[in-house]
Amino acid sequence: YTVRVPEDVPVGSTLLSVTATDPDDGTNGAVLYSFPEISDKASNIFHLEPKTGAITLVRNLDFEEADLYELRVRAKDGGSLSNTARVSISVTDVNDNAPEISVRSALSEISEDAAPGTVVALLHVQDRDSGANGEVRCSLGESVPFRLERALDDYYSVVTARELDRERASEYNVTVRAADGGSPAL
């Protein structure tokens, strides 16, 4: 059995049902389902209904925590005969994490004669989501004499874009906006 579910599937949802048949009559043909072996982590997330074989969600999934669960389900009849099936639950990413910006270093003062391209701040930007949901684009507010330069994969530098003039402006508030590639973007 294989099922793909988004990480935001509601708690209480039935993800899939395992079915087994037994042609015997009476209690010998009554099938009960169980997990013969299950990790503590998975046992806190999934519930198996013994009479129906339905696997339901008892805790929220998180793609960033785990994207695949491999379970075994045992079907056992009243006469102690059993068989097992493998169940794969694949979790798909949803854009549920906003980008995070952290300032790794920043100047509190800069001389007005600093050359254009002087680094004012180093920012680390990341998003825990995967694929387009985790691709981050950064931008600066308008009307500031600064620009962003990509330093490394997840790092940006805020640098001076032109010469500064203290008599025109003695300080600047610079806003950096980070948006991911999700739809809608966070």
N, C-alpha and C. Protein backbone atom coordinates (compact mmCIF):
# COMPACT_ATOMS: atom_id res chain seq x y z
N TYR A 1 0.85 -1.17 0.00
CA TYR A 1 0.00 0.00 0.00
C TYR A 1 0.89 1.23 0.00
N THR A 2 0.55 2.19 -0.85
CA THR A 2 1.30 3.44 -0.93
C THR A 2 0.30 4.59 -1.00
N VAL A 3 0.58 5.62 -0.23
CA VAL A 3 -0.28 6.80 -0.26
C VAL A 3 0.61 8.03 -0.11
N ARG A 4 0.23 9.09 -0.82
CA ARG A 4 0.90 10.39 -0.70
C ARG A 4 -0.08 11.36 -0.07
N VAL A 5 0.36 12.04 0.99
CA VAL A 5 -0.52 12.99 1.66
C VAL A 5 0.23 14.30 1.90
N PRO A 6 -0.47 15.43 1.79
CA PRO A 6 0.20 16.70 2.10
C PRO A 6 0.40 16.82 3.61
N GLU A 7 1.42 17.55 4.01
CA GLU A 7 1.73 17.64 5.43
C GLU A 7 0.65 18.36 6.23
N ASP A 8 -0.26 19.07 5.56
CA ASP A 8 -1.31 19.78 6.28
C ASP A 8 -2.63 19.01 6.33
N VAL A 9 -2.60 17.69 6.05
CA VAL A 9 -3.81 16.89 6.14
C VAL A 9 -4.32 16.97 7.60
N PRO A 10 -5.63 17.17 7.80
CA PRO A 10 -6.15 17.36 9.16
C PRO A 10 -6.00 16.12 10.05
N VAL A 11 -5.74 16.37 11.33
CA VAL A 11 -5.71 15.30 12.31
C VAL A 11 -7.09 14.63 12.32
N GLY A 12 -7.12 13.31 12.41
CA GLY A 12 -8.37 12.55 12.38
C GLY A 12 -8.69 11.99 11.01
N SER A 13 -7.98 12.45 9.99
CA SER A 13 -8.22 11.97 8.63
C SER A 13 -7.79 10.51 8.49
N THR A 14 -8.57 9.75 7.72
CA THR A 14 -8.18 8.38 7.37
C THR A 14 -7.28 8.48 6.15
N LEU A 15 -6.05 7.99 6.29
CA LEU A 15 -5.08 8.08 5.20
C LEU A 15 -5.24 6.94 4.21
N LEU A 16 -5.54 5.75 4.71
CA LEU A 16 -5.79 4.59 3.86
C LEU A 16 -6.35 3.47 4.73
N SER A 17 -6.89 2.48 4.08
CA SER A 17 -7.40 1.29 4.78
C SER A 17 -6.78 0.05 4.16
N VAL A 18 -6.24 -0.79 5.04
CA VAL A 18 -5.69 -2.08 4.63
C VAL A 18 -6.85 -3.07 4.69
N THR A 19 -6.94 -3.93 3.68
CA THR A 19 -8.02 -4.93 3.70
C THR A 19 -7.45 -6.33 3.49
N ALA A 20 -7.99 -7.24 4.27
CA ALA A 20 -7.63 -8.65 4.13
C ALA A 20 -8.91 -9.46 4.21
N THR A 21 -8.95 -10.56 3.49
CA THR A 21 -10.13 -11.43 3.55
C THR A 21 -9.70 -12.81 3.99
N ASP A 22 -10.63 -13.49 4.67
CA ASP A 22 -10.39 -14.86 5.11
C ASP A 22 -11.66 -15.63 4.82
N PRO A 23 -11.61 -16.68 4.00
CA PRO A 23 -12.82 -17.41 3.61
C PRO A 23 -13.38 -18.32 4.71
N ASP A 24 -12.68 -18.45 5.84
CA ASP A 24 -13.19 -19.30 6.92
C ASP A 24 -14.46 -18.71 7.51
N ASP A 25 -15.25 -19.61 8.13
CA ASP A 25 -16.49 -19.19 8.78
C ASP A 25 -16.24 -18.82 10.24
N GLY A 26 -17.14 -17.99 10.78
CA GLY A 26 -17.11 -17.66 12.21
C GLY A 26 -15.87 -16.90 12.62
N THR A 27 -15.42 -17.18 13.85
CA THR A 27 -14.26 -16.45 14.39
C THR A 27 -12.99 -16.76 13.61
N ASN A 28 -12.90 -17.93 12.98
CA ASN A 28 -11.71 -18.25 12.19
C ASN A 28 -11.55 -17.32 10.99
N GLY A 29 -12.66 -16.74 10.56
CA GLY A 29 -12.62 -15.83 9.41
C GLY A 29 -12.60 -14.36 9.81
N ALA A 30 -12.71 -14.06 11.11
CA ALA A 30 -12.69 -12.67 11.58
C ALA A 30 -11.25 -12.16 11.59
N VAL A 31 -11.01 -11.06 10.89
CA VAL A 31 -9.66 -10.52 10.76
C VAL A 31 -9.51 -9.30 11.66
N LEU A 32 -8.39 -9.28 12.39
CA LEU A 32 -8.01 -8.11 13.19
C LEU A 32 -6.67 -7.61 12.69
N TYR A 33 -6.51 -6.29 12.72
CA TYR A 33 -5.31 -5.65 12.19
C TYR A 33 -4.48 -5.08 13.34
N SER A 34 -3.16 -5.11 13.17
CA SER A 34 -2.26 -4.54 14.17
C SER A 34 -0.94 -4.15 13.52
N PHE A 35 -0.18 -3.32 14.24
CA PHE A 35 1.20 -3.02 13.83
C PHE A 35 2.09 -3.99 14.59
N PRO A 36 2.74 -4.95 13.93
CA PRO A 36 3.59 -5.89 14.66
C PRO A 36 4.83 -5.20 15.24
N GLU A 37 5.33 -4.23 14.53
CA GLU A 37 6.49 -3.43 14.97
C GLU A 37 6.22 -2.01 14.50
N ILE A 38 6.39 -1.05 15.40
CA ILE A 38 6.21 0.35 15.00
C ILE A 38 7.09 1.20 15.89
N SER A 39 7.71 2.20 15.31
CA SER A 39 8.57 3.09 16.08
C SER A 39 7.72 3.95 17.01
N ASP A 40 8.34 4.44 18.07
CA ASP A 40 7.63 5.32 18.99
C ASP A 40 7.12 6.55 18.26
N LYS A 41 7.95 7.09 17.36
CA LYS A 41 7.56 8.27 16.61
C LYS A 41 6.30 8.01 15.78
N ALA A 42 6.30 6.91 15.03
CA ALA A 42 5.15 6.59 14.17
C ALA A 42 3.92 6.25 15.00
N SER A 43 4.11 5.61 16.14
CA SER A 43 2.95 5.24 16.97
C SER A 43 2.26 6.47 17.56
N ASN A 44 2.99 7.59 17.64
CA ASN A 44 2.39 8.84 18.12
C ASN A 44 1.72 9.63 17.00
N ILE A 45 1.88 9.18 15.76
CA ILE A 45 1.32 9.88 14.61
C ILE A 45 0.15 9.12 13.99
N PHE A 46 0.25 7.79 13.94
CA PHE A 46 -0.75 6.98 13.23
C PHE A 46 -1.49 6.06 14.18
N HIS A 47 -2.78 5.87 13.91
CA HIS A 47 -3.59 4.91 14.66
C HIS A 47 -4.16 3.90 13.65
N LEU A 48 -4.08 2.64 14.00
CA LEU A 48 -4.65 1.57 13.17
C LEU A 48 -5.88 1.01 13.86
N GLU A 49 -7.02 1.12 13.21
CA GLU A 49 -8.27 0.59 13.75
C GLU A 49 -8.24 -0.94 13.59
N PRO A 50 -8.26 -1.69 14.72
CA PRO A 50 -8.09 -3.15 14.66
C PRO A 50 -9.15 -3.88 13.83
N LYS A 51 -10.37 -3.40 13.81
CA LYS A 51 -11.44 -4.13 13.11
C LYS A 51 -11.56 -3.77 11.63
N THR A 52 -11.19 -2.52 11.27
CA THR A 52 -11.40 -2.08 9.88
C THR A 52 -10.12 -1.98 9.06
N GLY A 53 -8.96 -1.88 9.71
CA GLY A 53 -7.71 -1.70 8.99
C GLY A 53 -7.46 -0.27 8.56
N ALA A 54 -8.29 0.68 9.03
CA ALA A 54 -8.12 2.09 8.68
C ALA A 54 -6.96 2.70 9.47
N ILE A 55 -6.09 3.39 8.76
CA ILE A 55 -4.99 4.10 9.40
C ILE A 55 -5.35 5.58 9.40
N THR A 56 -5.45 6.13 10.61
CA THR A 56 -5.83 7.53 10.76
C THR A 56 -4.68 8.33 11.37
N LEU A 57 -4.77 9.63 11.18
CA LEU A 57 -3.74 10.54 11.67
C LEU A 57 -4.15 11.06 13.05
N VAL A 58 -3.25 10.92 14.03
CA VAL A 58 -3.55 11.38 15.39
C VAL A 58 -2.71 12.60 15.79
N ARG A 59 -1.76 12.98 14.95
CA ARG A 59 -0.92 14.15 15.21
C ARG A 59 -0.54 14.76 13.87
N ASN A 60 -0.32 16.05 13.84
CA ASN A 60 0.05 16.73 12.59
C ASN A 60 1.33 16.17 12.01
N LEU A 61 1.35 16.08 10.69
CA LEU A 61 2.56 15.68 9.97
C LEU A 61 3.43 16.92 9.74
N ASP A 62 4.72 16.71 9.58
CA ASP A 62 5.64 17.80 9.26
C ASP A 62 6.67 17.26 8.27
N PHE A 63 6.56 17.71 7.03
CA PHE A 63 7.47 17.25 5.97
C PHE A 63 8.93 17.46 6.35
N GLU A 64 9.21 18.59 7.03
CA GLU A 64 10.58 18.90 7.39
C GLU A 64 11.11 17.97 8.48
N GLU A 65 10.20 17.32 9.20
CA GLU A 65 10.58 16.34 10.23
C GLU A 65 10.79 14.95 9.61
N ALA A 66 9.88 14.54 8.75
CA ALA A 66 9.99 13.24 8.06
C ALA A 66 9.10 13.29 6.82
N ASP A 67 9.63 12.78 5.71
CA ASP A 67 8.86 12.80 4.47
C ASP A 67 8.38 11.41 4.03
N LEU A 68 8.74 10.37 4.80
CA LEU A 68 8.31 9.02 4.45
C LEU A 68 8.21 8.17 5.71
N TYR A 69 7.12 7.43 5.81
CA TYR A 69 6.92 6.48 6.90
C TYR A 69 6.68 5.11 6.28
N GLU A 70 7.45 4.13 6.70
CA GLU A 70 7.30 2.75 6.25
C GLU A 70 6.75 1.96 7.43
N LEU A 71 5.55 1.41 7.28
CA LEU A 71 4.90 0.66 8.34
C LEU A 71 4.61 -0.75 7.86
N ARG A 72 4.48 -1.67 8.81
CA ARG A 72 3.99 -3.01 8.49
C ARG A 72 2.68 -3.21 9.25
N VAL A 73 1.71 -3.77 8.56
CA VAL A 73 0.41 -4.07 9.16
C VAL A 73 0.19 -5.57 9.10
N ARG A 74 -0.17 -6.14 10.25
CA ARG A 74 -0.46 -7.57 10.31
C ARG A 74 -1.97 -7.77 10.33
N ALA A 75 -2.44 -8.67 9.49
CA ALA A 75 -3.84 -9.10 9.49
C ALA A 75 -3.85 -10.52 10.06
N LYS A 76 -4.59 -10.71 11.16
CA LYS A 76 -4.59 -12.00 11.84
C LYS A 76 -6.03 -12.46 12.02
N ASP A 77 -6.30 -13.74 11.68
CA ASP A 77 -7.65 -14.26 11.85
C ASP A 77 -7.81 -14.88 13.23
N GLY A 78 -9.03 -15.30 13.54
CA GLY A 78 -9.32 -15.89 14.86
C GLY A 78 -8.66 -17.23 15.08
N GLY A 79 -8.16 -17.85 14.04
CA GLY A 79 -7.47 -19.13 14.16
C GLY A 79 -5.96 -18.97 14.24
N SER A 80 -5.48 -17.77 14.49
CA SER A 80 -4.05 -17.46 14.66
C SER A 80 -3.23 -17.49 13.37
N LEU A 81 -3.86 -17.48 12.22
CA LEU A 81 -3.11 -17.36 10.97
C LEU A 81 -2.99 -15.87 10.65
N SER A 82 -1.83 -15.48 10.07
CA SER A 82 -1.65 -14.06 9.81
C SER A 82 -0.83 -13.84 8.55
N ASN A 83 -0.88 -12.61 8.10
CA ASN A 83 -0.07 -12.17 6.98
C ASN A 83 0.23 -10.69 7.21
N THR A 84 1.26 -10.18 6.56
CA THR A 84 1.60 -8.77 6.74
C THR A 84 1.64 -8.07 5.39
N ALA A 85 1.44 -6.76 5.46
CA ALA A 85 1.53 -5.90 4.27
C ALA A 85 2.40 -4.70 4.63
N ARG A 86 3.12 -4.22 3.64
CA ARG A 86 3.94 -3.02 3.82
C ARG A 86 3.12 -1.80 3.43
N VAL A 87 3.18 -0.76 4.25
CA VAL A 87 2.46 0.48 3.99
C VAL A 87 3.48 1.61 3.92
N SER A 88 3.48 2.35 2.82
CA SER A 88 4.35 3.52 2.67
C SER A 88 3.49 4.77 2.66
N ILE A 89 3.77 5.67 3.60
CA ILE A 89 3.06 6.94 3.66
C ILE A 89 4.07 8.02 3.33
N SER A 90 3.89 8.63 2.16
CA SER A 90 4.79 9.67 1.68
C SER A 90 4.15 11.02 1.98
N VAL A 91 4.91 11.89 2.63
CA VAL A 91 4.42 13.21 3.02
C VAL A 91 4.95 14.23 2.02
N THR A 92 4.05 15.04 1.46
CA THR A 92 4.45 16.07 0.51
C THR A 92 4.51 17.43 1.20
N ASP A 93 5.40 18.27 0.72
CA ASP A 93 5.63 19.57 1.33
C ASP A 93 4.52 20.55 0.99
N VAL A 94 4.18 21.37 1.98
CA VAL A 94 3.24 22.48 1.82
C VAL A 94 4.01 23.72 2.26
N ASN A 95 3.72 24.83 1.65
CA ASN A 95 4.44 26.06 2.01
C ASN A 95 3.94 26.56 3.37
N ASP A 96 4.50 25.99 4.44
CA ASP A 96 4.05 26.34 5.79
C ASP A 96 5.13 27.00 6.64
N ASN A 97 6.28 27.27 6.06
CA ASN A 97 7.35 27.95 6.78
C ASN A 97 7.72 29.23 6.06
N ALA A 98 7.68 30.34 6.79
CA ALA A 98 8.09 31.62 6.23
C ALA A 98 9.61 31.70 6.24
N PRO A 99 10.18 32.45 5.32
CA PRO A 99 11.63 32.63 5.34
C PRO A 99 12.06 33.32 6.64
N GLU A 100 13.25 33.01 7.07
CA GLU A 100 13.80 33.61 8.28
C GLU A 100 15.06 34.38 7.91
N ILE A 101 15.16 35.61 8.42
CA ILE A 101 16.33 36.45 8.18
C ILE A 101 17.03 36.66 9.52
N SER A 102 18.32 36.42 9.54
CA SER A 102 19.10 36.74 10.73
C SER A 102 20.29 37.59 10.32
N VAL A 103 20.55 38.63 11.11
CA VAL A 103 21.68 39.52 10.84
C VAL A 103 22.90 38.90 11.50
N ARG A 104 23.87 38.51 10.69
CA ARG A 104 25.08 37.88 11.21
C ARG A 104 26.11 38.91 11.64
N SER A 105 26.15 40.03 10.93
CA SER A 105 27.02 41.12 11.36
C SER A 105 26.48 42.40 10.70
N ALA A 106 26.67 43.53 11.40
CA ALA A 106 26.19 44.80 10.87
C ALA A 106 27.00 45.94 11.47
N LEU A 107 27.19 46.97 10.67
CA LEU A 107 27.85 48.18 11.16
C LEU A 107 26.79 49.08 11.77
N SER A 108 27.08 49.66 12.92
CA SER A 108 26.14 50.61 13.50
C SER A 108 26.42 52.01 12.97
N GLU A 109 27.65 52.24 12.48
CA GLU A 109 28.03 53.52 11.89
C GLU A 109 28.85 53.26 10.63
N ILE A 110 28.74 54.19 9.70
CA ILE A 110 29.56 54.13 8.50
C ILE A 110 29.94 55.56 8.12
N SER A 111 31.14 55.74 7.70
CA SER A 111 31.62 57.06 7.32
C SER A 111 30.98 57.49 6.00
N GLU A 112 30.71 58.78 5.89
CA GLU A 112 30.09 59.27 4.65
C GLU A 112 31.03 59.16 3.46
N ASP A 113 32.32 58.98 3.71
CA ASP A 113 33.25 58.84 2.58
C ASP A 113 33.55 57.37 2.24
N ALA A 114 32.72 56.46 2.79
CA ALA A 114 32.89 55.04 2.46
C ALA A 114 32.64 54.83 0.97
N ALA A 115 33.46 54.03 0.36
CA ALA A 115 33.35 53.77 -1.08
C ALA A 115 32.09 52.97 -1.39
N PRO A 116 31.47 53.21 -2.55
CA PRO A 116 30.35 52.37 -2.97
C PRO A 116 30.79 50.90 -2.97
N GLY A 117 29.92 50.02 -2.51
CA GLY A 117 30.24 48.60 -2.41
C GLY A 117 30.72 48.20 -1.03
N THR A 118 30.76 49.15 -0.10
CA THR A 118 31.16 48.83 1.28
C THR A 118 30.07 47.99 1.94
N VAL A 119 30.47 46.88 2.54
CA VAL A 119 29.51 45.99 3.21
C VAL A 119 29.06 46.62 4.52
N VAL A 120 27.75 46.76 4.67
CA VAL A 120 27.14 47.34 5.86
C VAL A 120 26.59 46.25 6.77
N ALA A 121 26.09 45.17 6.18
CA ALA A 121 25.52 44.07 6.96
C ALA A 121 25.63 42.77 6.18
N LEU A 122 25.73 41.67 6.93
CA LEU A 122 25.71 40.32 6.35
C LEU A 122 24.49 39.62 6.92
N LEU A 123 23.64 39.11 6.02
CA LEU A 123 22.38 38.48 6.41
C LEU A 123 22.39 37.00 6.04
N HIS A 124 21.81 36.19 6.90
CA HIS A 124 21.59 34.78 6.59
C HIS A 124 20.09 34.61 6.38
N VAL A 125 19.70 34.05 5.25
CA VAL A 125 18.29 33.88 4.91
C VAL A 125 18.03 32.42 4.61
N GLN A 126 17.00 31.84 5.26
CA GLN A 126 16.68 30.44 4.99
C GLN A 126 15.18 30.20 5.11
N ASP A 127 14.74 29.12 4.50
CA ASP A 127 13.35 28.68 4.56
C ASP A 127 13.38 27.17 4.68
N ARG A 128 12.70 26.61 5.66
CA ARG A 128 12.75 25.17 5.91
C ARG A 128 11.99 24.35 4.88
N ASP A 129 11.14 24.97 4.07
CA ASP A 129 10.40 24.23 3.06
C ASP A 129 11.33 23.77 1.95
N SER A 130 10.83 22.87 1.11
CA SER A 130 11.64 22.33 0.03
C SER A 130 11.14 22.84 -1.32
N GLY A 131 11.95 22.61 -2.35
CA GLY A 131 11.57 23.00 -3.70
C GLY A 131 11.32 24.50 -3.80
N ALA A 132 10.37 24.87 -4.65
CA ALA A 132 10.04 26.28 -4.84
C ALA A 132 9.57 26.92 -3.53
N ASN A 133 8.92 26.14 -2.68
CA ASN A 133 8.44 26.66 -1.39
C ASN A 133 9.59 27.15 -0.51
N GLY A 134 10.79 26.64 -0.73
CA GLY A 134 11.93 27.02 0.08
C GLY A 134 12.92 27.94 -0.62
N GLU A 135 12.64 28.30 -1.88
CA GLU A 135 13.52 29.21 -2.60
C GLU A 135 13.18 30.64 -2.20
N VAL A 136 14.17 31.35 -1.69
CA VAL A 136 13.95 32.68 -1.13
C VAL A 136 14.55 33.76 -2.03
N ARG A 137 13.77 34.82 -2.22
CA ARG A 137 14.24 36.01 -2.93
C ARG A 137 14.21 37.17 -1.94
N CYS A 138 15.24 37.98 -1.95
CA CYS A 138 15.32 39.12 -1.03
C CYS A 138 15.30 40.42 -1.82
N SER A 139 14.75 41.45 -1.17
CA SER A 139 14.75 42.78 -1.78
C SER A 139 14.87 43.82 -0.68
N LEU A 140 15.29 45.01 -1.08
CA LEU A 140 15.42 46.13 -0.16
C LEU A 140 14.30 47.12 -0.39
N GLY A 141 13.98 47.87 0.65
CA GLY A 141 13.03 48.96 0.50
C GLY A 141 13.59 49.97 -0.48
N GLU A 142 12.73 50.79 -1.03
CA GLU A 142 13.15 51.77 -2.03
C GLU A 142 13.70 53.03 -1.37
N SER A 143 14.35 53.83 -2.15
CA SER A 143 14.88 55.13 -1.75
C SER A 143 15.96 55.06 -0.68
N VAL A 144 16.73 54.00 -0.69
CA VAL A 144 17.88 53.92 0.21
C VAL A 144 19.12 53.74 -0.65
N PRO A 145 20.25 54.29 -0.19
CA PRO A 145 21.47 54.19 -1.00
C PRO A 145 22.22 52.88 -0.78
N PHE A 146 21.48 51.78 -0.73
CA PHE A 146 22.07 50.47 -0.50
C PHE A 146 21.50 49.49 -1.52
N ARG A 147 22.21 48.38 -1.70
CA ARG A 147 21.71 47.30 -2.57
C ARG A 147 22.09 45.97 -1.92
N LEU A 148 21.44 44.92 -2.38
CA LEU A 148 21.72 43.57 -1.90
C LEU A 148 22.63 42.86 -2.89
N GLU A 149 23.57 42.11 -2.36
CA GLU A 149 24.41 41.24 -3.19
C GLU A 149 24.39 39.86 -2.56
N ARG A 150 24.24 38.86 -3.39
CA ARG A 150 24.28 37.49 -2.89
C ARG A 150 25.73 37.13 -2.58
N ALA A 151 25.99 36.76 -1.33
CA ALA A 151 27.35 36.43 -0.92
C ALA A 151 27.63 34.94 -1.13
N LEU A 152 26.80 34.09 -0.57
CA LEU A 152 26.88 32.64 -0.73
C LEU A 152 25.46 32.13 -0.89
N ASP A 153 25.27 30.81 -0.83
CA ASP A 153 23.94 30.24 -1.05
C ASP A 153 22.85 30.92 -0.24
N ASP A 154 23.00 30.97 1.07
CA ASP A 154 21.95 31.52 1.94
C ASP A 154 22.34 32.86 2.55
N TYR A 155 23.36 33.50 2.02
CA TYR A 155 23.85 34.75 2.60
C TYR A 155 23.73 35.90 1.61
N TYR A 156 23.38 37.06 2.14
CA TYR A 156 23.31 38.29 1.36
C TYR A 156 24.11 39.36 2.09
N SER A 157 24.69 40.26 1.31
CA SER A 157 25.37 41.43 1.87
C SER A 157 24.55 42.66 1.52
N VAL A 158 24.39 43.54 2.49
CA VAL A 158 23.83 44.86 2.23
C VAL A 158 25.04 45.77 2.05
N VAL A 159 25.14 46.39 0.87
CA VAL A 159 26.30 47.22 0.55
C VAL A 159 25.84 48.61 0.12
N THR A 160 26.75 49.56 0.25
CA THR A 160 26.43 50.91 -0.21
C THR A 160 26.36 50.91 -1.73
N ALA A 161 25.35 51.60 -2.25
CA ALA A 161 25.15 51.65 -3.70
C ALA A 161 25.78 52.92 -4.30
N ARG A 162 25.99 53.91 -3.45
CA ARG A 162 26.59 55.17 -3.90
C ARG A 162 27.22 55.85 -2.68
N GLU A 163 27.87 56.95 -2.92
CA GLU A 163 28.46 57.69 -1.81
C GLU A 163 27.35 58.22 -0.91
N LEU A 164 27.65 58.29 0.39
CA LEU A 164 26.68 58.78 1.36
C LEU A 164 26.97 60.24 1.68
N ASP A 165 25.94 60.97 2.07
CA ASP A 165 26.09 62.38 2.42
C ASP A 165 25.37 62.61 3.75
N ARG A 166 26.15 62.79 4.82
CA ARG A 166 25.59 62.94 6.16
C ARG A 166 24.70 64.17 6.25
N GLU A 167 25.00 65.20 5.48
CA GLU A 167 24.19 66.41 5.55
C GLU A 167 22.80 66.19 4.93
N ARG A 168 22.69 65.25 4.00
CA ARG A 168 21.38 64.91 3.42
C ARG A 168 20.60 63.97 4.32
N ALA A 169 21.29 62.97 4.85
CA ALA A 169 20.64 62.00 5.75
C ALA A 169 21.69 61.47 6.72
N SER A 170 21.41 61.59 8.00
CA SER A 170 22.39 61.15 9.00
C SER A 170 22.15 59.70 9.44
N GLU A 171 21.01 59.16 9.09
CA GLU A 171 20.74 57.74 9.38
C GLU A 171 19.71 57.19 8.42
N TYR A 172 19.71 55.86 8.30
CA TYR A 172 18.78 55.16 7.41
C TYR A 172 18.18 53.98 8.16
N ASN A 173 16.91 53.77 7.93
CA ASN A 173 16.27 52.53 8.35
C ASN A 173 16.12 51.70 7.08
N VAL A 174 16.75 50.54 7.08
CA VAL A 174 16.76 49.70 5.89
C VAL A 174 15.91 48.47 6.16
N THR A 175 14.93 48.24 5.30
CA THR A 175 14.07 47.07 5.42
C THR A 175 14.44 46.06 4.35
N VAL A 176 14.72 44.83 4.78
CA VAL A 176 15.00 43.74 3.86
C VAL A 176 13.78 42.83 3.87
N ARG A 177 13.27 42.54 2.70
CA ARG A 177 12.10 41.67 2.58
C ARG A 177 12.55 40.35 1.95
N ALA A 178 12.13 39.25 2.58
CA ALA A 178 12.42 37.91 2.05
C ALA A 178 11.10 37.25 1.72
N ALA A 179 10.97 36.71 0.53
CA ALA A 179 9.74 36.02 0.11
C ALA A 179 10.15 34.69 -0.53
N ASP A 180 9.36 33.65 -0.22
CA ASP A 180 9.67 32.35 -0.82
C ASP A 180 8.90 32.18 -2.12
N GLY A 181 9.16 31.07 -2.79
CA GLY A 181 8.56 30.80 -4.10
C GLY A 181 7.25 30.06 -4.04
N GLY A 182 6.66 29.93 -2.85
CA GLY A 182 5.39 29.23 -2.70
C GLY A 182 4.23 30.03 -3.28
N SER A 183 3.09 29.38 -3.36
CA SER A 183 1.90 30.05 -3.85
C SER A 183 0.76 29.81 -2.87
N PRO A 184 0.39 30.78 -2.07
CA PRO A 184 0.92 32.13 -2.05
C PRO A 184 2.28 32.16 -1.36
N ALA A 185 3.06 33.17 -1.71
CA ALA A 185 4.39 33.32 -1.11
C ALA A 185 4.27 33.76 0.34
N LEU A 186 5.21 33.27 1.15
CA LEU A 186 5.30 33.74 2.54
C LEU A 186 6.53 34.61 2.65
